[in-house]
Amino acid sequence: MRWRAWREVRAKGGSAGLDAVQRDDVERQGVPTFLQALAQALRAGSDRPQPVRRVSSPKPDGRQRPLGSPTVRDRVVHQAGKIVIEPLFDANFQDTSYGFRPKRSATPAVKVVKAQLISKG
């Protein structure tokens, strides 16, 4: 699971957090060492999330949209948690439930509703 979480974080990209550590830095230092140290800290209960680096992104109307960049380490922990928890929650949803589920969005939900309305119409 640690390796899967790392691969997914690596593939997604994103900028460094407050610690300025980037994915390439982790690879240079050794991913196995990084993941082993992370696992040990999690098992010991000593791992604590770091503050999120705050940046702003300009919006079309000129205002700024605040964004947060967690550290690579925290992203791997979050992703590992998601890998474990998501299937447990997903198993309890109705097949017609689309909100905030993997590979489901508003567009297919609207298509399903439309098809059901037409079939009953």
PDB file of N, CA and C in Angstrom:
ATOM      1  N   MET A   1       0.818  -1.184   0.000  1.00  0.00           N
ATOM      2  CA  MET A   1       0.000   0.000   0.000  1.00  0.00           C
ATOM      3  C   MET A   1       0.869   1.257   0.000  1.00  0.00           C
ATOM      4  N   ARG A   2       2.000   1.251   0.739  1.00  0.00           N
ATOM      5  CA  ARG A   2       2.879   2.423   0.762  1.00  0.00           C
ATOM      6  C   ARG A   2       3.391   2.737  -0.632  1.00  0.00           C
ATOM      7  N   TRP A   3       3.803   1.689  -1.351  1.00  0.00           N
ATOM      8  CA  TRP A   3       4.325   1.910  -2.701  1.00  0.00           C
ATOM      9  C   TRP A   3       3.245   2.422  -3.634  1.00  0.00           C
ATOM     10  N   ARG A   4       2.047   1.876  -3.513  1.00  0.00           N
ATOM     11  CA  ARG A   4       0.948   2.354  -4.352  1.00  0.00           C
ATOM     12  C   ARG A   4       0.659   3.823  -4.059  1.00  0.00           C
ATOM     13  N   ALA A   5       0.618   4.176  -2.776  1.00  0.00           N
ATOM     14  CA  ALA A   5       0.376   5.573  -2.400  1.00  0.00           C
ATOM     15  C   ALA A   5       1.468   6.467  -2.970  1.00  0.00           C
ATOM     16  N   TRP A   6       2.721   6.030  -2.868  1.00  0.00           N
ATOM     17  CA  TRP A   6       3.832   6.814  -3.416  1.00  0.00           C
ATOM     18  C   TRP A   6       3.667   6.993  -4.923  1.00  0.00           C
ATOM     19  N   ARG A   7       3.377   5.894  -5.636  1.00  0.00           N
ATOM     20  CA  ARG A   7       3.233   5.981  -7.106  1.00  0.00           C
ATOM     21  C   ARG A   7       2.120   6.947  -7.495  1.00  0.00           C
ATOM     22  N   GLU A   8       1.010   6.927  -6.756  1.00  0.00           N
ATOM     23  CA  GLU A   8      -0.100   7.822  -7.075  1.00  0.00           C
ATOM     24  C   GLU A   8       0.246   9.279  -6.782  1.00  0.00           C
ATOM     25  N   VAL A   9       0.940   9.524  -5.684  1.00  0.00           N
ATOM     26  CA  VAL A   9       1.388  10.892  -5.374  1.00  0.00           C
ATOM     27  C   VAL A   9       2.393  11.347  -6.427  1.00  0.00           C
ATOM     28  N   ARG A  10       3.314  10.465  -6.790  1.00  0.00           N
ATOM     29  CA  ARG A  10       4.340  10.783  -7.798  1.00  0.00           C
ATOM     30  C   ARG A  10       3.689  11.138  -9.137  1.00  0.00           C
ATOM     31  N   ALA A  11       2.702  10.362  -9.532  1.00  0.00           N
ATOM     32  CA  ALA A  11       2.041  10.579 -10.824  1.00  0.00           C
ATOM     33  C   ALA A  11       1.217  11.860 -10.849  1.00  0.00           C
ATOM     34  N   LYS A  12       0.640  12.217  -9.724  1.00  0.00           N
ATOM     35  CA  LYS A  12      -0.236  13.389  -9.685  1.00  0.00           C
ATOM     36  C   LYS A  12       0.527  14.701  -9.789  1.00  0.00           C
ATOM     37  N   GLY A  13       1.743  14.722  -9.314  1.00  0.00           N
ATOM     38  CA  GLY A  13       2.524  15.960  -9.373  1.00  0.00           C
ATOM     39  C   GLY A  13       2.252  16.827  -8.162  1.00  0.00           C
ATOM     40  N   GLY A  14       2.283  18.109  -8.357  1.00  0.00           N
ATOM     41  CA  GLY A  14       2.080  19.040  -7.255  1.00  0.00           C
ATOM     42  C   GLY A  14       3.399  19.641  -6.801  1.00  0.00           C
ATOM     43  N   SER A  15       3.298  20.753  -6.127  1.00  0.00           N
ATOM     44  CA  SER A  15       4.504  21.453  -5.686  1.00  0.00           C
ATOM     45  C   SER A  15       4.879  21.029  -4.268  1.00  0.00           C
ATOM     46  N   ALA A  16       6.056  21.458  -3.861  1.00  0.00           N
ATOM     47  CA  ALA A  16       6.562  21.115  -2.530  1.00  0.00           C
ATOM     48  C   ALA A  16       5.771  21.847  -1.456  1.00  0.00           C
ATOM     49  N   GLY A  17       5.747  21.276  -0.265  1.00  0.00           N
ATOM     50  CA  GLY A  17       5.100  21.907   0.876  1.00  0.00           C
ATOM     51  C   GLY A  17       6.064  22.841   1.585  1.00  0.00           C
ATOM     52  N   LEU A  18       5.749  23.177   2.822  1.00  0.00           N
ATOM     53  CA  LEU A  18       6.584  24.101   3.596  1.00  0.00           C
ATOM     54  C   LEU A  18       8.006  23.588   3.797  1.00  0.00           C
ATOM     55  N   ASP A  19       8.188  22.271   3.808  1.00  0.00           N
ATOM     56  CA  ASP A  19       9.528  21.716   4.008  1.00  0.00           C
ATOM     57  C   ASP A  19      10.397  21.804   2.751  1.00  0.00           C
ATOM     58  N   ALA A  20       9.813  22.238   1.636  1.00  0.00           N
ATOM     59  CA  ALA A  20      10.492  22.420   0.347  1.00  0.00           C
ATOM     60  C   ALA A  20      10.985  21.109  -0.269  1.00  0.00           C
ATOM     61  N   VAL A  21      10.583  19.968   0.284  1.00  0.00           N
ATOM     62  CA  VAL A  21      10.972  18.668  -0.279  1.00  0.00           C
ATOM     63  C   VAL A  21      10.061  18.345  -1.455  1.00  0.00           C
ATOM     64  N   GLN A  22      10.670  18.057  -2.587  1.00  0.00           N
ATOM     65  CA  GLN A  22       9.923  17.693  -3.791  1.00  0.00           C
ATOM     66  C   GLN A  22      10.022  16.195  -4.022  1.00  0.00           C
ATOM     67  N   ARG A  23       9.170  15.690  -4.906  1.00  0.00           N
ATOM     68  CA  ARG A  23       9.176  14.255  -5.210  1.00  0.00           C
ATOM     69  C   ARG A  23      10.545  13.802  -5.704  1.00  0.00           C
ATOM     70  N   ASP A  24      11.204  14.618  -6.516  1.00  0.00           N
ATOM     71  CA  ASP A  24      12.536  14.268  -7.013  1.00  0.00           C
ATOM     72  C   ASP A  24      13.548  14.147  -5.877  1.00  0.00           C
ATOM     73  N   ASP A  25      13.401  14.975  -4.848  1.00  0.00           N
ATOM     74  CA  ASP A  25      14.292  14.893  -3.689  1.00  0.00           C
ATOM     75  C   ASP A  25      14.136  13.547  -2.985  1.00  0.00           C
ATOM     76  N   VAL A  26      12.904  13.099  -2.849  1.00  0.00           N
ATOM     77  CA  VAL A  26      12.639  11.798  -2.212  1.00  0.00           C
ATOM     78  C   VAL A  26      13.280  10.690  -3.031  1.00  0.00           C
ATOM     79  N   GLU A  27      13.169  10.790  -4.347  1.00  0.00           N
ATOM     80  CA  GLU A  27      13.750   9.751  -5.213  1.00  0.00           C
ATOM     81  C   GLU A  27      15.281   9.750  -5.125  1.00  0.00           C
ATOM     82  N   ARG A  28      15.879  10.933  -5.042  1.00  0.00           N
ATOM     83  CA  ARG A  28      17.342  11.000  -4.915  1.00  0.00           C
ATOM     84  C   ARG A  28      17.816  10.392  -3.594  1.00  0.00           C
ATOM     85  N   GLN A  29      17.055  10.609  -2.540  1.00  0.00           N
ATOM     86  CA  GLN A  29      17.438  10.093  -1.222  1.00  0.00           C
ATOM     87  C   GLN A  29      17.079   8.614  -1.064  1.00  0.00           C
ATOM     88  N   GLY A  30      16.169   8.143  -1.900  1.00  0.00           N
ATOM     89  CA  GLY A  30      15.765   6.739  -1.858  1.00  0.00           C
ATOM     90  C   GLY A  30      14.337   6.566  -1.374  1.00  0.00           C
ATOM     91  N   VAL A  31      13.466   6.140  -2.277  1.00  0.00           N
ATOM     92  CA  VAL A  31      12.061   5.946  -1.935  1.00  0.00           C
ATOM     93  C   VAL A  31      11.882   4.853  -0.877  1.00  0.00           C
ATOM     94  N   PRO A  32      12.598   3.712  -0.978  1.00  0.00           N
ATOM     95  CA  PRO A  32      12.414   2.691   0.063  1.00  0.00           C
ATOM     96  C   PRO A  32      12.737   3.209   1.468  1.00  0.00           C
ATOM     97  N   THR A  33      13.783   3.986   1.590  1.00  0.00           N
ATOM     98  CA  THR A  33      14.160   4.558   2.889  1.00  0.00           C
ATOM     99  C   THR A  33      13.079   5.516   3.376  1.00  0.00           C
ATOM    100  N   PHE A  34      12.591   6.362   2.480  1.00  0.00           N
ATOM    101  CA  PHE A  34      11.529   7.319   2.795  1.00  0.00           C
ATOM    102  C   PHE A  34      10.278   6.589   3.285  1.00  0.00           C
ATOM    103  N   LEU A  35       9.849   5.565   2.563  1.00  0.00           N
ATOM    104  CA  LEU A  35       8.634   4.846   2.922  1.00  0.00           C
ATOM    105  C   LEU A  35       8.806   4.054   4.220  1.00  0.00           C
ATOM    106  N   GLN A  36       9.985   3.491   4.428  1.00  0.00           N
ATOM    107  CA  GLN A  36      10.241   2.757   5.666  1.00  0.00           C
ATOM    108  C   GLN A  36      10.203   3.685   6.877  1.00  0.00           C
ATOM    109  N   ALA A  37      10.836   4.838   6.769  1.00  0.00           N
ATOM    110  CA  ALA A  37      10.831   5.811   7.869  1.00  0.00           C
ATOM    111  C   ALA A  37       9.414   6.301   8.144  1.00  0.00           C
ATOM    112  N   LEU A  38       8.651   6.521   7.099  1.00  0.00           N
ATOM    113  CA  LEU A  38       7.263   6.962   7.249  1.00  0.00           C
ATOM    114  C   LEU A  38       6.439   5.887   7.953  1.00  0.00           C
ATOM    115  N   ALA A  39       6.599   4.630   7.549  1.00  0.00           N
ATOM    116  CA  ALA A  39       5.861   3.529   8.177  1.00  0.00           C
ATOM    117  C   ALA A  39       6.212   3.408   9.659  1.00  0.00           C
ATOM    118  N   GLN A  40       7.490   3.542   9.982  1.00  0.00           N
ATOM    119  CA  GLN A  40       7.913   3.454  11.383  1.00  0.00           C
ATOM    120  C   GLN A  40       7.308   4.578  12.217  1.00  0.00           C
ATOM    121  N   ALA A  41       7.300   5.786  11.668  1.00  0.00           N
ATOM    122  CA  ALA A  41       6.722   6.926  12.386  1.00  0.00           C
ATOM    123  C   ALA A  41       5.218   6.743  12.586  1.00  0.00           C
ATOM    124  N   LEU A  42       4.537   6.205  11.586  1.00  0.00           N
ATOM    125  CA  LEU A  42       3.095   5.978  11.703  1.00  0.00           C
ATOM    126  C   LEU A  42       2.799   4.900  12.744  1.00  0.00           C
ATOM    127  N   ARG A  43       3.566   3.822  12.706  1.00  0.00           N
ATOM    128  CA  ARG A  43       3.365   2.740  13.693  1.00  0.00           C
ATOM    129  C   ARG A  43       3.642   3.234  15.119  1.00  0.00           C
ATOM    130  N   ALA A  44       4.637   4.068  15.279  1.00  0.00           N
ATOM    131  CA  ALA A  44       5.006   4.581  16.600  1.00  0.00           C
ATOM    132  C   ALA A  44       4.056   5.681  17.075  1.00  0.00           C
ATOM    133  N   GLY A  45       3.236   6.190  16.153  1.00  0.00           N
ATOM    134  CA  GLY A  45       2.324   7.271  16.501  1.00  0.00           C
ATOM    135  C   GLY A  45       3.008   8.615  16.624  1.00  0.00           C
ATOM    136  N   SER A  46       4.207   8.717  16.077  1.00  0.00           N
ATOM    137  CA  SER A  46       4.968   9.960  16.207  1.00  0.00           C
ATOM    138  C   SER A  46       4.847  10.876  14.989  1.00  0.00           C
ATOM    139  N   ASP A  47       4.220  10.416  13.930  1.00  0.00           N
ATOM    140  CA  ASP A  47       4.080  11.242  12.727  1.00  0.00           C
ATOM    141  C   ASP A  47       2.991  12.279  12.952  1.00  0.00           C
ATOM    142  N   ARG A  48       3.290  13.515  12.629  1.00  0.00           N
ATOM    143  CA  ARG A  48       2.322  14.609  12.733  1.00  0.00           C
ATOM    144  C   ARG A  48       2.323  15.360  11.414  1.00  0.00           C
ATOM    145  N   PRO A  49       1.139  15.713  10.915  1.00  0.00           N
ATOM    146  CA  PRO A  49       1.102  16.477   9.670  1.00  0.00           C
ATOM    147  C   PRO A  49       1.776  17.835   9.839  1.00  0.00           C
ATOM    148  N   GLN A  50       2.438  18.269   8.795  1.00  0.00           N
ATOM    149  CA  GLN A  50       3.111  19.564   8.796  1.00  0.00           C
ATOM    150  C   GLN A  50       2.132  20.650   8.338  1.00  0.00           C
ATOM    151  N   PRO A  51       2.396  21.899   8.698  1.00  0.00           N
ATOM    152  CA  PRO A  51       1.553  22.983   8.169  1.00  0.00           C
ATOM    153  C   PRO A  51       1.572  22.976   6.640  1.00  0.00           C
ATOM    154  N   VAL A  52       0.500  23.434   6.062  1.00  0.00           N
ATOM    155  CA  VAL A  52       0.353  23.478   4.605  1.00  0.00           C
ATOM    156  C   VAL A  52       0.898  24.802   4.084  1.00  0.00           C
ATOM    157  N   ARG A  53       1.657  24.728   2.994  1.00  0.00           N
ATOM    158  CA  ARG A  53       2.172  25.958   2.366  1.00  0.00           C
ATOM    159  C   ARG A  53       1.020  26.635   1.646  1.00  0.00           C
ATOM    160  N   ARG A  54       0.804  27.906   1.961  1.00  0.00           N
ATOM    161  CA  ARG A  54      -0.313  28.647   1.387  1.00  0.00           C
ATOM    162  C   ARG A  54       0.176  29.466   0.207  1.00  0.00           C
ATOM    163  N   VAL A  55      -0.492  29.311  -0.923  1.00  0.00           N
ATOM    164  CA  VAL A  55      -0.214  30.113  -2.112  1.00  0.00           C
ATOM    165  C   VAL A  55      -1.541  30.641  -2.637  1.00  0.00           C
ATOM    166  N   SER A  56      -1.466  31.629  -3.502  1.00  0.00           N
ATOM    167  CA  SER A  56      -2.674  32.189  -4.099  1.00  0.00           C
ATOM    168  C   SER A  56      -2.623  32.037  -5.597  1.00  0.00           C
ATOM    169  N   SER A  57      -3.779  31.752  -6.154  1.00  0.00           N
ATOM    170  CA  SER A  57      -3.907  31.608  -7.601  1.00  0.00           C
ATOM    171  C   SER A  57      -4.876  32.677  -8.093  1.00  0.00           C
ATOM    172  N   PRO A  58      -4.517  33.429  -9.128  1.00  0.00           N
ATOM    173  CA  PRO A  58      -5.422  34.482  -9.595  1.00  0.00           C
ATOM    174  C   PRO A  58      -6.671  33.904 -10.261  1.00  0.00           C
ATOM    175  N   LYS A  59      -7.809  34.525  -9.958  1.00  0.00           N
ATOM    176  CA  LYS A  59      -9.071  34.141 -10.588  1.00  0.00           C
ATOM    177  C   LYS A  59      -9.335  35.094 -11.752  1.00  0.00           C
ATOM    178  N   PRO A  60     -10.198  34.712 -12.693  1.00  0.00           N
ATOM    179  CA  PRO A  60     -10.476  35.575 -13.853  1.00  0.00           C
ATOM    180  C   PRO A  60     -10.979  36.971 -13.489  1.00  0.00           C
ATOM    181  N   ASP A  61     -11.665  37.081 -12.341  1.00  0.00           N
ATOM    182  CA  ASP A  61     -12.209  38.394 -11.951  1.00  0.00           C
ATOM    183  C   ASP A  61     -11.190  39.256 -11.206  1.00  0.00           C
ATOM    184  N   GLY A  62      -9.939  38.785 -11.103  1.00  0.00           N
ATOM    185  CA  GLY A  62      -8.896  39.565 -10.450  1.00  0.00           C
ATOM    186  C   GLY A  62      -8.664  39.218  -8.990  1.00  0.00           C
ATOM    187  N   ARG A  63      -9.615  38.515  -8.378  1.00  0.00           N
ATOM    188  CA  ARG A  63      -9.419  38.113  -6.983  1.00  0.00           C
ATOM    189  C   ARG A  63      -8.409  36.970  -6.920  1.00  0.00           C
ATOM    190  N   GLN A  64      -7.999  36.629  -5.713  1.00  0.00           N
ATOM    191  CA  GLN A  64      -7.048  35.545  -5.504  1.00  0.00           C
ATOM    192  C   GLN A  64      -7.760  34.350  -4.864  1.00  0.00           C
ATOM    193  N   ARG A  65      -7.425  33.171  -5.344  1.00  0.00           N
ATOM    194  CA  ARG A  65      -7.974  31.943  -4.773  1.00  0.00           C
ATOM    195  C   ARG A  65      -6.887  31.303  -3.914  1.00  0.00           C
ATOM    196  N   PRO A  66      -7.145  31.115  -2.610  1.00  0.00           N
ATOM    197  CA  PRO A  66      -6.119  30.505  -1.760  1.00  0.00           C
ATOM    198  C   PRO A  66      -6.003  29.003  -2.023  1.00  0.00           C
ATOM    199  N   LEU A  67      -4.782  28.520  -2.112  1.00  0.00           N
ATOM    200  CA  LEU A  67      -4.503  27.098  -2.298  1.00  0.00           C
ATOM    201  C   LEU A  67      -3.522  26.649  -1.235  1.00  0.00           C
ATOM    202  N   GLY A  68      -3.582  25.391  -0.889  1.00  0.00           N
ATOM    203  CA  GLY A  68      -2.648  24.842   0.084  1.00  0.00           C
ATOM    204  C   GLY A  68      -1.862  23.688  -0.518  1.00  0.00           C
ATOM    205  N   SER A  69      -0.574  23.637  -0.247  1.00  0.00           N
ATOM    206  CA  SER A  69       0.285  22.552  -0.724  1.00  0.00           C
ATOM    207  C   SER A  69       0.839  21.796   0.479  1.00  0.00           C
ATOM    208  N   PRO A  70       0.306  20.579   0.733  1.00  0.00           N
ATOM    209  CA  PRO A  70       0.878  19.781   1.822  1.00  0.00           C
ATOM    210  C   PRO A  70       2.243  19.233   1.420  1.00  0.00           C
ATOM    211  N   THR A  71       3.002  18.767   2.388  1.00  0.00           N
ATOM    212  CA  THR A  71       4.301  18.165   2.091  1.00  0.00           C
ATOM    213  C   THR A  71       4.094  16.853   1.344  1.00  0.00           C
ATOM    214  N   VAL A  72       5.123  16.418   0.641  1.00  0.00           N
ATOM    215  CA  VAL A  72       5.058  15.137  -0.070  1.00  0.00           C
ATOM    216  C   VAL A  72       4.759  14.024   0.934  1.00  0.00           C
ATOM    217  N   ARG A  73       5.421  14.064   2.063  1.00  0.00           N
ATOM    218  CA  ARG A  73       5.213  13.048   3.106  1.00  0.00           C
ATOM    219  C   ARG A  73       3.744  12.986   3.524  1.00  0.00           C
ATOM    220  N   ASP A  74       3.137  14.145   3.771  1.00  0.00           N
ATOM    221  CA  ASP A  74       1.733  14.171   4.168  1.00  0.00           C
ATOM    222  C   ASP A  74       0.819  13.703   3.034  1.00  0.00           C
ATOM    223  N   ARG A  75       1.175  14.025   1.800  1.00  0.00           N
ATOM    224  CA  ARG A  75       0.360  13.553   0.673  1.00  0.00           C
ATOM    225  C   ARG A  75       0.385  12.032   0.567  1.00  0.00           C
ATOM    226  N   VAL A  76       1.544  11.428   0.831  1.00  0.00           N
ATOM    227  CA  VAL A  76       1.637   9.957   0.787  1.00  0.00           C
ATOM    228  C   VAL A  76       0.767   9.357   1.894  1.00  0.00           C
ATOM    229  N   VAL A  77       0.809   9.940   3.094  1.00  0.00           N
ATOM    230  CA  VAL A  77      -0.029   9.447   4.190  1.00  0.00           C
ATOM    231  C   VAL A  77      -1.504   9.583   3.842  1.00  0.00           C
ATOM    232  N   HIS A  78      -1.899  10.732   3.312  1.00  0.00           N
ATOM    233  CA  HIS A  78      -3.302  10.951   2.926  1.00  0.00           C
ATOM    234  C   HIS A  78      -3.732   9.939   1.872  1.00  0.00           C
ATOM    235  N   GLN A  79      -2.868   9.725   0.881  1.00  0.00           N
ATOM    236  CA  GLN A  79      -3.209   8.805  -0.201  1.00  0.00           C
ATOM    237  C   GLN A  79      -3.334   7.379   0.317  1.00  0.00           C
ATOM    238  N   ALA A  80      -2.455   6.972   1.209  1.00  0.00           N
ATOM    239  CA  ALA A  80      -2.533   5.621   1.789  1.00  0.00           C
ATOM    240  C   ALA A  80      -3.843   5.458   2.560  1.00  0.00           C
ATOM    241  N   GLY A  81      -4.217   6.471   3.319  1.00  0.00           N
ATOM    242  CA  GLY A  81      -5.489   6.425   4.032  1.00  0.00           C
ATOM    243  C   GLY A  81      -6.664   6.310   3.081  1.00  0.00           C
ATOM    244  N   LYS A  82      -6.611   7.054   2.004  1.00  0.00           N
ATOM    245  CA  LYS A  82      -7.675   7.002   0.989  1.00  0.00           C
ATOM    246  C   LYS A  82      -7.769   5.616   0.370  1.00  0.00           C
ATOM    247  N   ILE A  83      -6.629   5.009   0.086  1.00  0.00           N
ATOM    248  CA  ILE A  83      -6.602   3.671  -0.518  1.00  0.00           C
ATOM    249  C   ILE A  83      -7.289   2.659   0.399  1.00  0.00           C
ATOM    250  N   VAL A  84      -7.089   2.799   1.696  1.00  0.00           N
ATOM    251  CA  VAL A  84      -7.675   1.860   2.657  1.00  0.00           C
ATOM    252  C   VAL A  84      -9.155   2.157   2.896  1.00  0.00           C
ATOM    253  N   ILE A  85      -9.493   3.411   3.096  1.00  0.00           N
ATOM    254  CA  ILE A  85     -10.844   3.778   3.532  1.00  0.00           C
ATOM    255  C   ILE A  85     -11.869   3.829   2.400  1.00  0.00           C
ATOM    256  N   GLU A  86     -11.473   4.308   1.243  1.00  0.00           N
ATOM    257  CA  GLU A  86     -12.433   4.522   0.155  1.00  0.00           C
ATOM    258  C   GLU A  86     -13.250   3.278  -0.201  1.00  0.00           C
ATOM    259  N   PRO A  87     -12.640   2.104  -0.362  1.00  0.00           N
ATOM    260  CA  PRO A  87     -13.458   0.924  -0.692  1.00  0.00           C
ATOM    261  C   PRO A  87     -14.456   0.559   0.410  1.00  0.00           C
ATOM    262  N   LEU A  88     -14.105   0.827   1.661  1.00  0.00           N
ATOM    263  CA  LEU A  88     -15.021   0.527   2.762  1.00  0.00           C
ATOM    264  C   LEU A  88     -16.268   1.400   2.694  1.00  0.00           C
ATOM    265  N   PHE A  89     -16.081   2.683   2.423  1.00  0.00           N
ATOM    266  CA  PHE A  89     -17.223   3.579   2.303  1.00  0.00           C
ATOM    267  C   PHE A  89     -18.001   3.318   1.020  1.00  0.00           C
ATOM    268  N   ASP A  90     -17.280   3.106  -0.062  1.00  0.00           N
ATOM    269  CA  ASP A  90     -17.923   2.915  -1.361  1.00  0.00           C
ATOM    270  C   ASP A  90     -18.848   1.703  -1.353  1.00  0.00           C
ATOM    271  N   ALA A  91     -18.504   0.678  -0.600  1.00  0.00           N
ATOM    272  CA  ALA A  91     -19.311  -0.541  -0.555  1.00  0.00           C
ATOM    273  C   ALA A  91     -20.700  -0.283   0.027  1.00  0.00           C
ATOM    274  N   ASN A  92     -20.851   0.775   0.816  1.00  0.00           N
ATOM    275  CA  ASN A  92     -22.137   1.061   1.452  1.00  0.00           C
ATOM    276  C   ASN A  92     -23.016   2.044   0.680  1.00  0.00           C
ATOM    277  N   PHE A  93     -22.508   2.585  -0.423  1.00  0.00           N
ATOM    278  CA  PHE A  93     -23.298   3.515  -1.213  1.00  0.00           C
ATOM    279  C   PHE A  93     -24.234   2.768  -2.165  1.00  0.00           C
ATOM    280  N   GLN A  94     -25.349   3.398  -2.459  1.00  0.00           N
ATOM    281  CA  GLN A  94     -26.249   2.879  -3.485  1.00  0.00           C
ATOM    282  C   GLN A  94     -25.570   3.015  -4.842  1.00  0.00           C
ATOM    283  N   ASP A  95     -25.912   2.150  -5.771  1.00  0.00           N
ATOM    284  CA  ASP A  95     -25.319   2.224  -7.102  1.00  0.00           C
ATOM    285  C   ASP A  95     -25.674   3.542  -7.793  1.00  0.00           C
ATOM    286  N   THR A  96     -26.773   4.137  -7.404  1.00  0.00           N
ATOM    287  CA  THR A  96     -27.200   5.394  -8.022  1.00  0.00           C
ATOM    288  C   THR A  96     -26.599   6.624  -7.351  1.00  0.00           C
ATOM    289  N   SER A  97     -25.749   6.423  -6.352  1.00  0.00           N
ATOM    290  CA  SER A  97     -25.109   7.540  -5.665  1.00  0.00           C
ATOM    291  C   SER A  97     -23.868   7.968  -6.438  1.00  0.00           C
ATOM    292  N   TYR A  98     -23.793   9.254  -6.779  1.00  0.00           N
ATOM    293  CA  TYR A  98     -22.685   9.741  -7.602  1.00  0.00           C
ATOM    294  C   TYR A  98     -21.780  10.745  -6.905  1.00  0.00           C
ATOM    295  N   GLY A  99     -22.226  11.387  -5.845  1.00  0.00           N
ATOM    296  CA  GLY A  99     -21.460  12.465  -5.235  1.00  0.00           C
ATOM    297  C   GLY A  99     -20.147  12.025  -4.614  1.00  0.00           C
ATOM    298  N   PHE A 100     -19.059  12.663  -4.999  1.00  0.00           N
ATOM    299  CA  PHE A 100     -17.731  12.472  -4.412  1.00  0.00           C
ATOM    300  C   PHE A 100     -17.273  11.011  -4.418  1.00  0.00           C
ATOM    301  N   ARG A 101     -17.583  10.301  -5.470  1.00  0.00           N
ATOM    302  CA  ARG A 101     -17.155   8.905  -5.579  1.00  0.00           C
ATOM    303  C   ARG A 101     -16.173   8.766  -6.726  1.00  0.00           C
ATOM    304  N   PRO A 102     -15.274   7.794  -6.619  1.00  0.00           N
ATOM    305  CA  PRO A 102     -14.278   7.618  -7.689  1.00  0.00           C
ATOM    306  C   PRO A 102     -14.943   7.279  -9.017  1.00  0.00           C
ATOM    307  N   LYS A 103     -14.440   7.908 -10.045  1.00  0.00           N
ATOM    308  CA  LYS A 103     -14.895   7.673 -11.421  1.00  0.00           C
ATOM    309  C   LYS A 103     -16.382   7.971 -11.622  1.00  0.00           C
ATOM    310  N   ARG A 104     -16.909   8.840 -10.779  1.00  0.00           N
ATOM    311  CA  ARG A 104     -18.304   9.272 -10.934  1.00  0.00           C
ATOM    312  C   ARG A 104     -18.335  10.789 -10.809  1.00  0.00           C
ATOM    313  N   SER A 105     -19.187  11.404 -11.624  1.00  0.00           N
ATOM    314  CA  SER A 105     -19.288  12.860 -11.573  1.00  0.00           C
ATOM    315  C   SER A 105     -20.714  13.276 -11.918  1.00  0.00           C
ATOM    316  N   ALA A 106     -20.949  14.556 -11.979  1.00  0.00           N
ATOM    317  CA  ALA A 106     -22.281  15.073 -12.264  1.00  0.00           C
ATOM    318  C   ALA A 106     -22.747  14.710 -13.674  1.00  0.00           C
ATOM    319  N   THR A 107     -21.834  14.665 -14.635  1.00  0.00           N
ATOM    320  CA  THR A 107     -22.231  14.392 -16.021  1.00  0.00           C
ATOM    321  C   THR A 107     -22.889  13.021 -16.167  1.00  0.00           C
ATOM    322  N   PRO A 108     -22.274  11.922 -15.705  1.00  0.00           N
ATOM    323  CA  PRO A 108     -22.968  10.641 -15.806  1.00  0.00           C
ATOM    324  C   PRO A 108     -24.245  10.594 -14.965  1.00  0.00           C
ATOM    325  N   ALA A 109     -24.258  11.294 -13.837  1.00  0.00           N
ATOM    326  CA  ALA A 109     -25.464  11.315 -13.006  1.00  0.00           C
ATOM    327  C   ALA A 109     -26.628  11.932 -13.772  1.00  0.00           C
ATOM    328  N   VAL A 110     -26.372  13.027 -14.469  1.00  0.00           N
ATOM    329  CA  VAL A 110     -27.415  13.683 -15.264  1.00  0.00           C
ATOM    330  C   VAL A 110     -27.886  12.752 -16.382  1.00  0.00           C
ATOM    331  N   LYS A 111     -26.970  12.034 -17.007  1.00  0.00           N
ATOM    332  CA  LYS A 111     -27.340  11.089 -18.067  1.00  0.00           C
ATOM    333  C   LYS A 111     -28.239   9.977 -17.532  1.00  0.00           C
ATOM    334  N   VAL A 112     -27.944   9.469 -16.348  1.00  0.00           N
ATOM    335  CA  VAL A 112     -28.751   8.421 -15.736  1.00  0.00           C
ATOM    336  C   VAL A 112     -30.153   8.952 -15.441  1.00  0.00           C
ATOM    337  N   VAL A 113     -30.235  10.150 -14.847  1.00  0.00           N
ATOM    338  CA  VAL A 113     -31.533  10.741 -14.533  1.00  0.00           C
ATOM    339  C   VAL A 113     -32.331  10.961 -15.811  1.00  0.00           C
ATOM    340  N   LYS A 114     -31.683  11.475 -16.835  1.00  0.00           N
ATOM    341  CA  LYS A 114     -32.342  11.722 -18.117  1.00  0.00           C
ATOM    342  C   LYS A 114     -32.872  10.431 -18.707  1.00  0.00           C
ATOM    343  N   ALA A 115     -32.059   9.378 -18.697  1.00  0.00           N
ATOM    344  CA  ALA A 115     -32.480   8.082 -19.238  1.00  0.00           C
ATOM    345  C   ALA A 115     -33.671   7.530 -18.454  1.00  0.00           C
ATOM    346  N   GLN A 116     -33.654   7.693 -17.138  1.00  0.00           N
ATOM    347  CA  GLN A 116     -34.782   7.197 -16.325  1.00  0.00           C
ATOM    348  C   GLN A 116     -36.048   8.002 -16.599  1.00  0.00           C
ATOM    349  N   LEU A 117     -35.918   9.297 -16.791  1.00  0.00           N
ATOM    350  CA  LEU A 117     -37.089  10.119 -17.106  1.00  0.00           C
ATOM    351  C   LEU A 117     -37.675   9.744 -18.461  1.00  0.00           C
ATOM    352  N   ILE A 118     -36.814   9.494 -19.429  1.00  0.00           N
ATOM    353  CA  ILE A 118     -37.278   9.129 -20.774  1.00  0.00           C
ATOM    354  C   ILE A 118     -37.967   7.771 -20.729  1.00  0.00           C
ATOM    355  N   SER A 119     -37.412   6.823 -19.987  1.00  0.00           N
ATOM    356  CA  SER A 119     -37.985   5.482 -19.938  1.00  0.00           C
ATOM    357  C   SER A 119     -39.344   5.466 -19.228  1.00  0.00           C
ATOM    358  N   LYS A 120     -39.576   6.427 -18.327  1.00  0.00           N
ATOM    359  CA  LYS A 120     -40.842   6.478 -17.613  1.00  0.00           C
ATOM    360  C   LYS A 120     -41.840   7.405 -18.302  1.00  0.00           C
ATOM    361  N   GLY A 121     -41.316   8.135 -19.271  1.00  0.00           N
ATOM    362  CA  GLY A 121     -42.055   9.192 -19.905  1.00  0.00           C
ATOM    363  C   GLY A 121     -43.155   8.875 -20.755  1.00  0.00           C
TER     364      GLY A 121
END
